[in-house]
Amino acid sequence: IEHYFQSVMDGNPKIDDIYTLRPTQTAHEMTFVVSGRDTQDRNGDGIIDQAEIKASLGEKYDTRSFPALEAGLQHPSVDPGITYDKWGAWLSGYAPVKDTSGKTVAVLGVDLSSTFVNADRKDLLKAIGIVDLFALPVFLLVAWWFANRVSRPFRILGKGMYDISHGDSHVQLKLSGKGSDHVFVELFNGMVNMIGSAKHSKDDH
């Protein structure tokens, strides 16, 4: 199993460790079963420190600060953010390990180093920034067109109301365009004609 984990890690350099943990009778405590991470001088300082020693069989692990890990005994889960332990900073995913009867006997964990996670995050933000840079002019053009299209009937009405307010009670807006603009002009002209007819009828009486 350890060799299999290591072969998966060799093919996926961003994975720092693949391991299994099994629950104990103590709440918020699990113990390591298998870890694919070897003990090695990772920082190259010539000293194997505590963070560079692989988890040993039966080593206890306090899970009270890792709710996603505990949830991994029930269903696949992932840490909502970077987590920290004595080996470093990680973004981890978990899944239950079941025996042939379907009973959960352990949890499988996969750790991604925060270094890779942060690098991927920066690359994503950079890509989004580049897309926004090229897309912004298009968005602005579309926004201008939409605002112009929406405000056009009100500009038409404004011109007609201006003429009426200055004594031209027979103003007729020119029919132009299609769709809602055409209908809007017809309604306005019809309203002006109705007002004119009502005024003439009152004058005749």
N, C-alpha and C. Protein backbone atom coordinates (compact mmCIF):
# COMPACT_ATOMS: atom_id res chain seq x y z
N ILE A 1 0.85 -1.20 0.00
CA ILE A 1 0.00 0.00 0.00
C ILE A 1 0.88 1.25 0.00
N GLU A 2 1.94 1.22 0.81
CA GLU A 2 2.84 2.37 0.87
C GLU A 2 3.49 2.62 -0.49
N HIS A 3 3.94 1.55 -1.13
CA HIS A 3 4.56 1.70 -2.45
C HIS A 3 3.56 2.22 -3.47
N TYR A 4 2.31 1.79 -3.36
CA TYR A 4 1.27 2.27 -4.27
C TYR A 4 1.04 3.76 -4.06
N PHE A 5 0.94 4.19 -2.79
CA PHE A 5 0.79 5.61 -2.50
C PHE A 5 1.95 6.41 -3.09
N GLN A 6 3.16 5.89 -2.93
CA GLN A 6 4.34 6.60 -3.42
C GLN A 6 4.34 6.69 -4.95
N SER A 7 3.85 5.66 -5.62
CA SER A 7 3.78 5.71 -7.08
C SER A 7 2.78 6.77 -7.55
N VAL A 8 1.69 6.90 -6.82
CA VAL A 8 0.71 7.95 -7.14
C VAL A 8 1.32 9.32 -6.92
N MET A 9 2.07 9.47 -5.82
CA MET A 9 2.72 10.75 -5.52
C MET A 9 3.78 11.08 -6.56
N ASP A 10 4.50 10.07 -7.03
CA ASP A 10 5.53 10.31 -8.05
C ASP A 10 4.91 10.85 -9.34
N GLY A 11 3.70 10.41 -9.64
CA GLY A 11 3.01 10.87 -10.84
C GLY A 11 2.27 12.18 -10.65
N ASN A 12 2.18 12.64 -9.40
CA ASN A 12 1.47 13.90 -9.08
C ASN A 12 2.32 14.70 -8.09
N PRO A 13 3.29 15.46 -8.60
CA PRO A 13 4.24 16.18 -7.74
C PRO A 13 3.61 17.14 -6.73
N LYS A 14 2.38 17.59 -7.00
CA LYS A 14 1.74 18.51 -6.06
C LYS A 14 1.25 17.81 -4.80
N ILE A 15 1.12 16.48 -4.85
CA ILE A 15 0.69 15.73 -3.67
C ILE A 15 1.89 15.52 -2.76
N ASP A 16 1.78 15.96 -1.53
CA ASP A 16 2.89 15.82 -0.58
C ASP A 16 2.81 14.50 0.18
N ASP A 17 1.59 14.04 0.45
CA ASP A 17 1.45 12.78 1.18
C ASP A 17 0.08 12.17 0.92
N ILE A 18 0.04 10.85 0.91
CA ILE A 18 -1.20 10.08 0.91
C ILE A 18 -1.10 9.12 2.08
N TYR A 19 -2.14 9.03 2.88
CA TYR A 19 -2.03 8.26 4.12
C TYR A 19 -3.40 7.75 4.54
N THR A 20 -3.40 6.82 5.47
CA THR A 20 -4.64 6.35 6.08
C THR A 20 -4.54 6.50 7.59
N LEU A 21 -5.66 6.87 8.19
CA LEU A 21 -5.79 7.01 9.64
C LEU A 21 -6.99 6.18 10.09
N ARG A 22 -6.88 5.56 11.23
CA ARG A 22 -8.03 4.82 11.75
C ARG A 22 -8.46 5.41 13.10
N PRO A 23 -9.75 5.43 13.36
CA PRO A 23 -10.24 5.99 14.62
C PRO A 23 -9.87 5.10 15.80
N THR A 24 -9.82 5.70 16.98
CA THR A 24 -9.58 4.96 18.21
C THR A 24 -10.80 5.08 19.12
N GLN A 25 -10.70 4.53 20.29
CA GLN A 25 -11.79 4.63 21.25
C GLN A 25 -11.85 6.01 21.88
N THR A 26 -10.81 6.81 21.70
CA THR A 26 -10.76 8.16 22.27
C THR A 26 -11.32 9.16 21.26
N ALA A 27 -12.19 10.04 21.74
CA ALA A 27 -12.78 11.05 20.86
C ALA A 27 -11.69 11.97 20.31
N HIS A 28 -11.84 12.34 19.04
CA HIS A 28 -10.92 13.26 18.36
C HIS A 28 -9.49 12.73 18.34
N GLU A 29 -9.36 11.41 18.25
CA GLU A 29 -8.03 10.82 18.15
C GLU A 29 -8.03 9.71 17.11
N MET A 30 -7.05 9.76 16.21
CA MET A 30 -6.85 8.69 15.23
C MET A 30 -5.38 8.29 15.27
N THR A 31 -5.09 7.16 14.66
CA THR A 31 -3.70 6.71 14.57
C THR A 31 -3.35 6.42 13.11
N PHE A 32 -2.11 6.67 12.76
CA PHE A 32 -1.64 6.44 11.40
C PHE A 32 -1.49 4.94 11.13
N VAL A 33 -1.85 4.55 9.92
CA VAL A 33 -1.67 3.17 9.47
C VAL A 33 -0.58 3.13 8.39
N VAL A 34 -0.80 3.87 7.31
CA VAL A 34 0.17 3.92 6.21
C VAL A 34 0.36 5.36 5.78
N SER A 35 1.60 5.73 5.48
CA SER A 35 1.92 7.06 4.95
C SER A 35 2.91 6.89 3.80
N GLY A 36 2.63 7.56 2.69
CA GLY A 36 3.53 7.47 1.55
C GLY A 36 4.70 8.43 1.62
N ARG A 37 4.70 9.31 2.58
CA ARG A 37 5.73 10.35 2.70
C ARG A 37 6.97 9.78 3.39
N ASP A 38 8.11 9.86 2.73
CA ASP A 38 9.36 9.36 3.30
C ASP A 38 10.01 10.39 4.21
N THR A 39 10.79 9.91 5.14
CA THR A 39 11.62 10.80 5.96
C THR A 39 12.79 11.26 5.10
N GLN A 40 12.96 12.56 4.95
CA GLN A 40 14.06 13.10 4.16
C GLN A 40 14.29 14.57 4.48
N ASP A 41 15.49 15.03 4.15
CA ASP A 41 15.87 16.43 4.40
C ASP A 41 15.26 17.29 3.30
N ARG A 42 14.05 17.75 3.49
CA ARG A 42 13.31 18.46 2.46
C ARG A 42 13.82 19.87 2.22
N ASN A 43 14.31 20.52 3.27
CA ASN A 43 14.77 21.90 3.09
C ASN A 43 16.27 21.99 2.79
N GLY A 44 16.93 20.84 2.78
CA GLY A 44 18.34 20.81 2.39
C GLY A 44 19.30 21.44 3.37
N ASP A 45 18.93 21.50 4.65
CA ASP A 45 19.83 22.12 5.63
C ASP A 45 20.76 21.11 6.30
N GLY A 46 20.68 19.85 5.84
CA GLY A 46 21.54 18.83 6.40
C GLY A 46 21.06 18.23 7.70
N ILE A 47 19.87 18.63 8.14
CA ILE A 47 19.32 18.15 9.41
C ILE A 47 17.90 17.63 9.16
N ILE A 48 17.59 16.45 9.69
CA ILE A 48 16.23 15.92 9.64
C ILE A 48 15.49 16.42 10.87
N ASP A 49 14.62 17.41 10.68
CA ASP A 49 13.88 17.93 11.84
C ASP A 49 12.54 17.22 11.96
N GLN A 50 11.79 17.61 12.97
CA GLN A 50 10.53 16.93 13.30
C GLN A 50 9.55 16.96 12.13
N ALA A 51 9.51 18.06 11.39
CA ALA A 51 8.56 18.20 10.29
C ALA A 51 8.93 17.34 9.09
N GLU A 52 10.14 16.77 9.09
CA GLU A 52 10.60 15.99 7.95
C GLU A 52 10.58 14.48 8.20
N ILE A 53 10.13 14.08 9.39
CA ILE A 53 10.03 12.67 9.75
C ILE A 53 8.63 12.17 9.42
N LYS A 54 8.55 11.07 8.66
CA LYS A 54 7.23 10.56 8.27
C LYS A 54 6.47 10.02 9.48
N ALA A 55 5.15 10.02 9.38
CA ALA A 55 4.31 9.48 10.46
C ALA A 55 4.55 7.99 10.58
N SER A 56 4.72 7.53 11.77
CA SER A 56 4.99 6.11 12.01
C SER A 56 3.70 5.35 12.28
N LEU A 57 3.75 4.04 12.07
CA LEU A 57 2.59 3.18 12.31
C LEU A 57 2.13 3.31 13.76
N GLY A 58 0.85 3.62 13.96
CA GLY A 58 0.30 3.75 15.29
C GLY A 58 0.48 5.12 15.93
N GLU A 59 1.15 6.04 15.23
CA GLU A 59 1.33 7.38 15.79
C GLU A 59 -0.02 8.07 15.95
N LYS A 60 -0.24 8.66 17.11
CA LYS A 60 -1.52 9.30 17.40
C LYS A 60 -1.60 10.67 16.71
N TYR A 61 -2.84 11.00 16.33
CA TYR A 61 -3.07 12.28 15.64
C TYR A 61 -4.33 12.91 16.21
N ASP A 62 -4.19 14.12 16.75
CA ASP A 62 -5.32 14.85 17.35
C ASP A 62 -6.14 15.48 16.23
N THR A 63 -7.40 15.11 16.12
CA THR A 63 -8.25 15.56 15.01
C THR A 63 -9.24 16.66 15.38
N ARG A 64 -9.16 17.14 16.61
CA ARG A 64 -10.19 18.10 17.06
C ARG A 64 -10.17 19.40 16.24
N SER A 65 -9.02 19.73 15.65
CA SER A 65 -8.93 20.95 14.84
C SER A 65 -9.18 20.69 13.36
N PHE A 66 -9.58 19.46 13.03
CA PHE A 66 -9.76 19.09 11.63
C PHE A 66 -11.12 18.42 11.42
N PRO A 67 -12.19 19.20 11.45
CA PRO A 67 -13.55 18.62 11.30
C PRO A 67 -13.74 17.92 9.95
N ALA A 68 -13.09 18.41 8.92
CA ALA A 68 -13.24 17.76 7.61
C ALA A 68 -12.63 16.37 7.63
N LEU A 69 -11.54 16.20 8.37
CA LEU A 69 -10.92 14.88 8.51
C LEU A 69 -11.87 13.92 9.22
N GLU A 70 -12.49 14.37 10.29
CA GLU A 70 -13.43 13.51 11.00
C GLU A 70 -14.65 13.21 10.13
N ALA A 71 -15.06 14.19 9.34
CA ALA A 71 -16.20 13.97 8.43
C ALA A 71 -15.85 12.96 7.35
N GLY A 72 -14.55 12.83 7.04
CA GLY A 72 -14.10 11.89 6.03
C GLY A 72 -14.39 10.45 6.37
N LEU A 73 -14.69 10.16 7.64
CA LEU A 73 -15.09 8.82 8.02
C LEU A 73 -16.50 8.49 7.54
N GLN A 74 -17.27 9.53 7.23
CA GLN A 74 -18.66 9.35 6.80
C GLN A 74 -18.84 9.52 5.29
N HIS A 75 -18.10 10.46 4.71
CA HIS A 75 -18.26 10.78 3.29
C HIS A 75 -17.04 11.57 2.82
N PRO A 76 -16.82 11.65 1.51
CA PRO A 76 -15.70 12.46 1.01
C PRO A 76 -15.82 13.91 1.47
N SER A 77 -14.72 14.49 1.87
CA SER A 77 -14.74 15.87 2.37
C SER A 77 -13.41 16.53 2.05
N VAL A 78 -13.37 17.83 2.23
CA VAL A 78 -12.14 18.59 1.96
C VAL A 78 -12.05 19.74 2.95
N ASP A 79 -10.85 20.10 3.34
CA ASP A 79 -10.65 21.23 4.24
C ASP A 79 -11.13 22.51 3.56
N PRO A 80 -11.85 23.37 4.29
CA PRO A 80 -12.32 24.62 3.69
C PRO A 80 -11.21 25.63 3.46
N GLY A 81 -10.07 25.39 4.06
CA GLY A 81 -8.93 26.30 3.92
C GLY A 81 -7.65 25.59 4.31
N ILE A 82 -6.57 26.34 4.33
CA ILE A 82 -5.27 25.79 4.71
C ILE A 82 -5.29 25.37 6.19
N THR A 83 -4.79 24.16 6.47
CA THR A 83 -4.68 23.68 7.84
C THR A 83 -3.21 23.49 8.19
N TYR A 84 -2.93 23.42 9.49
CA TYR A 84 -1.55 23.37 9.95
C TYR A 84 -1.36 22.24 10.97
N ASP A 85 -0.26 21.52 10.83
CA ASP A 85 0.14 20.55 11.85
C ASP A 85 1.67 20.56 11.94
N LYS A 86 2.26 19.60 12.63
CA LYS A 86 3.70 19.64 12.84
C LYS A 86 4.50 19.42 11.57
N TRP A 87 3.84 18.90 10.52
CA TRP A 87 4.55 18.66 9.25
C TRP A 87 4.49 19.85 8.31
N GLY A 88 3.61 20.82 8.57
CA GLY A 88 3.54 21.99 7.71
C GLY A 88 2.13 22.51 7.51
N ALA A 89 1.89 23.13 6.35
CA ALA A 89 0.59 23.72 6.02
C ALA A 89 0.04 23.04 4.78
N TRP A 90 -1.25 22.66 4.85
CA TRP A 90 -1.82 21.82 3.81
C TRP A 90 -3.25 22.21 3.44
N LEU A 91 -3.61 21.77 2.25
CA LEU A 91 -5.02 21.70 1.87
C LEU A 91 -5.27 20.23 1.59
N SER A 92 -6.19 19.62 2.33
CA SER A 92 -6.32 18.17 2.30
C SER A 92 -7.74 17.73 1.95
N GLY A 93 -7.81 16.55 1.34
CA GLY A 93 -9.09 15.92 1.05
C GLY A 93 -9.13 14.54 1.69
N TYR A 94 -10.34 14.06 2.00
CA TYR A 94 -10.49 12.81 2.75
C TYR A 94 -11.63 11.97 2.17
N ALA A 95 -11.54 10.66 2.39
CA ALA A 95 -12.60 9.75 1.98
C ALA A 95 -12.58 8.52 2.89
N PRO A 96 -13.74 7.95 3.16
CA PRO A 96 -13.79 6.77 4.04
C PRO A 96 -13.21 5.53 3.37
N VAL A 97 -12.58 4.68 4.15
CA VAL A 97 -12.08 3.38 3.69
C VAL A 97 -12.97 2.32 4.32
N LYS A 98 -13.60 1.49 3.49
CA LYS A 98 -14.55 0.50 3.99
C LYS A 98 -14.03 -0.92 3.79
N ASP A 99 -14.43 -1.82 4.66
CA ASP A 99 -14.07 -3.23 4.49
C ASP A 99 -15.09 -3.91 3.58
N THR A 100 -14.94 -5.21 3.40
CA THR A 100 -15.82 -5.93 2.47
C THR A 100 -17.29 -5.94 2.90
N SER A 101 -17.53 -5.71 4.19
CA SER A 101 -18.92 -5.67 4.67
C SER A 101 -19.53 -4.28 4.56
N GLY A 102 -18.73 -3.30 4.12
CA GLY A 102 -19.23 -1.93 4.00
C GLY A 102 -19.01 -1.08 5.22
N LYS A 103 -18.35 -1.61 6.23
CA LYS A 103 -18.09 -0.85 7.46
C LYS A 103 -16.85 0.02 7.27
N THR A 104 -16.94 1.28 7.71
CA THR A 104 -15.81 2.20 7.62
C THR A 104 -14.77 1.83 8.68
N VAL A 105 -13.55 1.58 8.23
CA VAL A 105 -12.49 1.16 9.15
C VAL A 105 -11.37 2.19 9.24
N ALA A 106 -11.33 3.13 8.28
CA ALA A 106 -10.26 4.12 8.28
C ALA A 106 -10.67 5.28 7.37
N VAL A 107 -9.80 6.27 7.32
CA VAL A 107 -10.02 7.40 6.42
C VAL A 107 -8.75 7.58 5.59
N LEU A 108 -8.94 7.82 4.30
CA LEU A 108 -7.83 8.09 3.39
C LEU A 108 -7.65 9.59 3.28
N GLY A 109 -6.43 10.06 3.43
CA GLY A 109 -6.15 11.48 3.33
C GLY A 109 -5.14 11.78 2.23
N VAL A 110 -5.33 12.91 1.55
CA VAL A 110 -4.40 13.38 0.52
C VAL A 110 -4.05 14.82 0.84
N ASP A 111 -2.75 15.10 1.00
CA ASP A 111 -2.28 16.44 1.35
C ASP A 111 -1.65 17.13 0.15
N LEU A 112 -2.07 18.37 -0.08
CA LEU A 112 -1.40 19.25 -1.04
C LEU A 112 -0.70 20.33 -0.25
N SER A 113 0.57 20.56 -0.54
CA SER A 113 1.32 21.59 0.17
C SER A 113 0.72 22.96 -0.11
N SER A 114 0.68 23.81 0.92
CA SER A 114 0.14 25.17 0.74
C SER A 114 0.96 25.96 -0.27
N THR A 115 2.22 25.57 -0.46
CA THR A 115 3.06 26.25 -1.45
C THR A 115 2.46 26.11 -2.85
N PHE A 116 2.05 24.88 -3.19
CA PHE A 116 1.43 24.65 -4.49
C PHE A 116 0.05 25.29 -4.57
N VAL A 117 -0.70 25.22 -3.47
CA VAL A 117 -2.04 25.80 -3.46
C VAL A 117 -1.97 27.31 -3.69
N ASN A 118 -1.05 27.99 -2.98
CA ASN A 118 -0.91 29.44 -3.13
C ASN A 118 -0.42 29.80 -4.53
N ALA A 119 0.48 28.97 -5.08
CA ALA A 119 0.97 29.23 -6.43
C ALA A 119 -0.16 29.11 -7.45
N ASP A 120 -0.99 28.07 -7.29
CA ASP A 120 -2.13 27.88 -8.19
C ASP A 120 -3.12 29.03 -8.05
N ARG A 121 -3.30 29.50 -6.81
CA ARG A 121 -4.23 30.61 -6.56
C ARG A 121 -3.73 31.88 -7.26
N LYS A 122 -2.42 32.13 -7.18
CA LYS A 122 -1.85 33.30 -7.84
C LYS A 122 -1.99 33.20 -9.36
N ASP A 123 -1.75 32.00 -9.89
CA ASP A 123 -1.89 31.80 -11.34
C ASP A 123 -3.33 32.04 -11.78
N LEU A 124 -4.29 31.56 -10.97
CA LEU A 124 -5.70 31.74 -11.29
C LEU A 124 -6.08 33.22 -11.27
N LEU A 125 -5.63 33.93 -10.23
CA LEU A 125 -5.94 35.36 -10.12
C LEU A 125 -5.30 36.13 -11.28
N LYS A 126 -4.09 35.72 -11.66
CA LYS A 126 -3.42 36.36 -12.79
C LYS A 126 -4.21 36.15 -14.07
N ALA A 127 -4.67 34.91 -14.27
CA ALA A 127 -5.45 34.59 -15.47
C ALA A 127 -6.76 35.39 -15.49
N ILE A 128 -7.41 35.49 -14.32
CA ILE A 128 -8.65 36.26 -14.24
C ILE A 128 -8.39 37.72 -14.55
N GLY A 129 -7.26 38.23 -14.03
CA GLY A 129 -6.90 39.63 -14.29
C GLY A 129 -6.68 39.90 -15.77
N ILE A 130 -6.01 38.96 -16.46
CA ILE A 130 -5.77 39.12 -17.89
C ILE A 130 -7.09 39.10 -18.66
N VAL A 131 -7.96 38.15 -18.29
CA VAL A 131 -9.27 38.07 -18.96
C VAL A 131 -10.07 39.35 -18.74
N ASP A 132 -10.05 39.84 -17.49
CA ASP A 132 -10.78 41.09 -17.19
C ASP A 132 -10.23 42.26 -17.98
N LEU A 133 -8.91 42.29 -18.15
CA LEU A 133 -8.27 43.40 -18.87
C LEU A 133 -8.77 43.48 -20.30
N PHE A 134 -8.90 42.30 -20.95
CA PHE A 134 -9.36 42.27 -22.33
C PHE A 134 -10.88 42.35 -22.43
N ALA A 135 -11.56 41.84 -21.41
CA ALA A 135 -13.03 41.81 -21.47
C ALA A 135 -13.67 43.12 -21.04
N LEU A 136 -12.94 43.93 -20.24
CA LEU A 136 -13.53 45.16 -19.72
C LEU A 136 -14.03 46.10 -20.81
N PRO A 137 -13.25 46.36 -21.88
CA PRO A 137 -13.79 47.23 -22.94
C PRO A 137 -15.08 46.70 -23.55
N VAL A 138 -15.15 45.38 -23.72
CA VAL A 138 -16.37 44.78 -24.28
C VAL A 138 -17.54 44.98 -23.32
N PHE A 139 -17.29 44.76 -22.01
CA PHE A 139 -18.34 44.97 -21.01
C PHE A 139 -18.83 46.42 -21.02
N LEU A 140 -17.89 47.34 -21.13
CA LEU A 140 -18.25 48.77 -21.13
C LEU A 140 -19.07 49.12 -22.37
N LEU A 141 -18.68 48.54 -23.51
CA LEU A 141 -19.43 48.80 -24.75
C LEU A 141 -20.84 48.25 -24.67
N VAL A 142 -20.97 47.04 -24.14
CA VAL A 142 -22.29 46.43 -23.98
C VAL A 142 -23.14 47.24 -23.00
N ALA A 143 -22.51 47.69 -21.89
CA ALA A 143 -23.23 48.48 -20.90
C ALA A 143 -23.72 49.80 -21.50
N TRP A 144 -22.84 50.43 -22.31
CA TRP A 144 -23.24 51.69 -22.96
C TRP A 144 -24.41 51.45 -23.91
N TRP A 145 -24.30 50.37 -24.73
CA TRP A 145 -25.37 50.08 -25.67
C TRP A 145 -26.68 49.81 -24.95
N PHE A 146 -26.61 49.04 -23.86
CA PHE A 146 -27.82 48.69 -23.12
C PHE A 146 -28.44 49.94 -22.49
N ALA A 147 -27.60 50.79 -21.88
CA ALA A 147 -28.11 52.01 -21.26
C ALA A 147 -28.73 52.93 -22.30
N ASN A 148 -28.09 53.01 -23.46
CA ASN A 148 -28.61 53.85 -24.54
C ASN A 148 -29.94 53.31 -25.05
N ARG A 149 -30.01 51.99 -25.16
CA ARG A 149 -31.25 51.36 -25.66
C ARG A 149 -32.40 51.55 -24.68
N VAL A 150 -32.11 51.39 -23.39
CA VAL A 150 -33.16 51.51 -22.37
C VAL A 150 -33.64 52.95 -22.25
N SER A 151 -32.72 53.90 -22.36
CA SER A 151 -33.09 55.31 -22.15
C SER A 151 -33.69 55.97 -23.39
N ARG A 152 -33.61 55.32 -24.54
CA ARG A 152 -34.09 55.93 -25.79
C ARG A 152 -35.56 56.34 -25.74
N PRO A 153 -36.48 55.48 -25.29
CA PRO A 153 -37.88 55.91 -25.21
C PRO A 153 -38.08 57.14 -24.33
N PHE A 154 -37.29 57.25 -23.27
CA PHE A 154 -37.44 58.41 -22.37
C PHE A 154 -36.91 59.68 -23.03
N ARG A 155 -35.90 59.54 -23.88
CA ARG A 155 -35.40 60.71 -24.61
C ARG A 155 -36.44 61.16 -25.64
N ILE A 156 -37.10 60.17 -26.26
CA ILE A 156 -38.16 60.51 -27.21
C ILE A 156 -39.30 61.24 -26.50
N LEU A 157 -39.71 60.71 -25.36
CA LEU A 157 -40.77 61.33 -24.58
C LEU A 157 -40.35 62.72 -24.12
N GLY A 158 -39.09 62.85 -23.71
CA GLY A 158 -38.60 64.15 -23.24
C GLY A 158 -38.71 65.21 -24.31
N LYS A 159 -38.37 64.87 -25.55
CA LYS A 159 -38.45 65.84 -26.64
C LYS A 159 -39.90 66.25 -26.89
N GLY A 160 -40.79 65.25 -26.89
CA GLY A 160 -42.20 65.56 -27.12
C GLY A 160 -42.78 66.42 -26.02
N MET A 161 -42.46 66.10 -24.76
CA MET A 161 -42.98 66.87 -23.63
C MET A 161 -42.42 68.30 -23.64
N TYR A 162 -41.16 68.42 -24.09
CA TYR A 162 -40.56 69.76 -24.18
C TYR A 162 -41.35 70.63 -25.16
N ASP A 163 -41.67 70.04 -26.34
CA ASP A 163 -42.42 70.80 -27.35
C ASP A 163 -43.80 71.17 -26.84
N ILE A 164 -44.48 70.24 -26.16
CA ILE A 164 -45.82 70.51 -25.62
C ILE A 164 -45.76 71.63 -24.58
N SER A 165 -44.75 71.56 -23.72
CA SER A 165 -44.63 72.58 -22.66
C SER A 165 -44.34 73.96 -23.22
N HIS A 166 -43.87 74.02 -24.46
CA HIS A 166 -43.59 75.31 -25.10
C HIS A 166 -44.68 75.69 -26.10
N GLY A 167 -45.88 75.15 -25.94
CA GLY A 167 -47.05 75.60 -26.66
C GLY A 167 -47.41 74.83 -27.92
N ASP A 168 -46.58 73.86 -28.28
CA ASP A 168 -46.89 73.09 -29.49
C ASP A 168 -47.74 71.88 -29.11
N SER A 169 -49.06 72.09 -29.09
CA SER A 169 -49.96 71.02 -28.66
C SER A 169 -50.26 70.03 -29.79
N HIS A 170 -49.70 70.29 -30.96
CA HIS A 170 -49.94 69.40 -32.10
C HIS A 170 -48.68 68.62 -32.48
N VAL A 171 -47.73 68.60 -31.59
CA VAL A 171 -46.46 67.93 -31.88
C VAL A 171 -46.71 66.45 -32.18
N GLN A 172 -46.04 65.97 -33.19
CA GLN A 172 -46.11 64.56 -33.55
C GLN A 172 -44.68 64.04 -33.69
N LEU A 173 -44.39 63.01 -32.94
CA LEU A 173 -43.06 62.42 -33.03
C LEU A 173 -42.96 61.57 -34.29
N LYS A 174 -41.78 61.59 -34.89
CA LYS A 174 -41.57 60.82 -36.11
C LYS A 174 -41.49 59.33 -35.80
N LEU A 175 -42.16 58.57 -36.66
CA LEU A 175 -42.11 57.12 -36.51
C LEU A 175 -40.78 56.61 -37.07
N SER A 176 -40.02 56.03 -36.19
CA SER A 176 -38.73 55.48 -36.62
C SER A 176 -38.41 54.27 -35.77
N GLY A 177 -37.54 53.44 -36.27
CA GLY A 177 -37.14 52.27 -35.50
C GLY A 177 -38.19 51.18 -35.57
N LYS A 178 -37.97 50.17 -34.78
CA LYS A 178 -38.87 49.03 -34.76
C LYS A 178 -39.20 48.65 -33.33
N GLY A 179 -40.12 47.75 -33.21
CA GLY A 179 -40.41 47.19 -31.90
C GLY A 179 -40.98 48.20 -30.93
N SER A 180 -40.40 48.23 -29.72
CA SER A 180 -40.95 49.05 -28.64
C SER A 180 -40.87 50.54 -28.95
N ASP A 181 -39.82 51.00 -29.66
CA ASP A 181 -39.71 52.42 -30.00
C ASP A 181 -40.88 52.86 -30.88
N HIS A 182 -41.19 52.05 -31.88
CA HIS A 182 -42.28 52.37 -32.79
C HIS A 182 -43.61 52.43 -32.03
N VAL A 183 -43.84 51.45 -31.18
CA VAL A 183 -45.07 51.41 -30.38
C VAL A 183 -45.13 52.61 -29.45
N PHE A 184 -44.00 52.97 -28.86
CA PHE A 184 -43.94 54.09 -27.92
C PHE A 184 -44.32 55.39 -28.62
N VAL A 185 -43.79 55.60 -29.85
CA VAL A 185 -44.10 56.82 -30.61
C VAL A 185 -45.57 56.86 -30.97
N GLU A 186 -46.14 55.72 -31.38
CA GLU A 186 -47.56 55.69 -31.73
C GLU A 186 -48.44 56.02 -30.53
N LEU A 187 -48.08 55.49 -29.38
CA LEU A 187 -48.86 55.78 -28.17
C LEU A 187 -48.79 57.26 -27.81
N PHE A 188 -47.59 57.84 -27.91
CA PHE A 188 -47.44 59.26 -27.60
C PHE A 188 -48.25 60.12 -28.55
N ASN A 189 -48.12 59.85 -29.86
CA ASN A 189 -48.87 60.64 -30.85
C ASN A 189 -50.36 60.48 -30.66
N GLY A 190 -50.79 59.24 -30.33
CA GLY A 190 -52.21 59.02 -30.07
C GLY A 190 -52.69 59.81 -28.88
N MET A 191 -51.86 59.90 -27.83
CA MET A 191 -52.22 60.66 -26.65
C MET A 191 -52.36 62.14 -26.98
N VAL A 192 -51.41 62.67 -27.78
CA VAL A 192 -51.47 64.08 -28.17
C VAL A 192 -52.73 64.35 -28.99
N ASN A 193 -53.07 63.45 -29.90
CA ASN A 193 -54.28 63.63 -30.72
C ASN A 193 -55.53 63.62 -29.86
N MET A 194 -55.55 62.74 -28.84
CA MET A 194 -56.71 62.69 -27.95
C MET A 194 -56.84 63.99 -27.17
N ILE A 195 -55.73 64.51 -26.71
CA ILE A 195 -55.76 65.78 -25.97
C ILE A 195 -56.24 66.90 -26.87
N GLY A 196 -55.74 66.89 -28.14
CA GLY A 196 -56.15 67.93 -29.09
C GLY A 196 -57.63 67.84 -29.40
N SER A 197 -58.14 66.62 -29.60
CA SER A 197 -59.56 66.44 -29.90
C SER A 197 -60.42 66.89 -28.74
N ALA A 198 -59.99 66.56 -27.51
CA ALA A 198 -60.75 66.96 -26.34
C ALA A 198 -60.77 68.47 -26.20
N LYS A 199 -59.66 69.12 -26.54
CA LYS A 199 -59.58 70.58 -26.43
C LYS A 199 -60.49 71.24 -27.46
N HIS A 200 -60.49 70.71 -28.70
CA HIS A 200 -61.36 71.28 -29.75
C HIS A 200 -62.82 71.10 -29.39
N SER A 201 -63.15 69.93 -28.82
CA SER A 201 -64.54 69.67 -28.44
C SER A 201 -65.00 70.64 -27.35
N LYS A 202 -64.09 70.95 -26.43
CA LYS A 202 -64.43 71.88 -25.35
C LYS A 202 -64.60 73.29 -25.91
N ASP A 203 -63.75 73.66 -26.87
CA ASP A 203 -63.83 75.00 -27.47
C ASP A 203 -65.14 75.16 -28.24
N ASP A 204 -65.62 74.07 -28.91
CA ASP A 204 -66.85 74.14 -29.69
C ASP A 204 -68.05 74.36 -28.79
N HIS A 205 -67.96 73.83 -27.57
CA HIS A 205 -69.08 74.02 -26.65
C HIS A 205 -69.01 75.40 -26.00
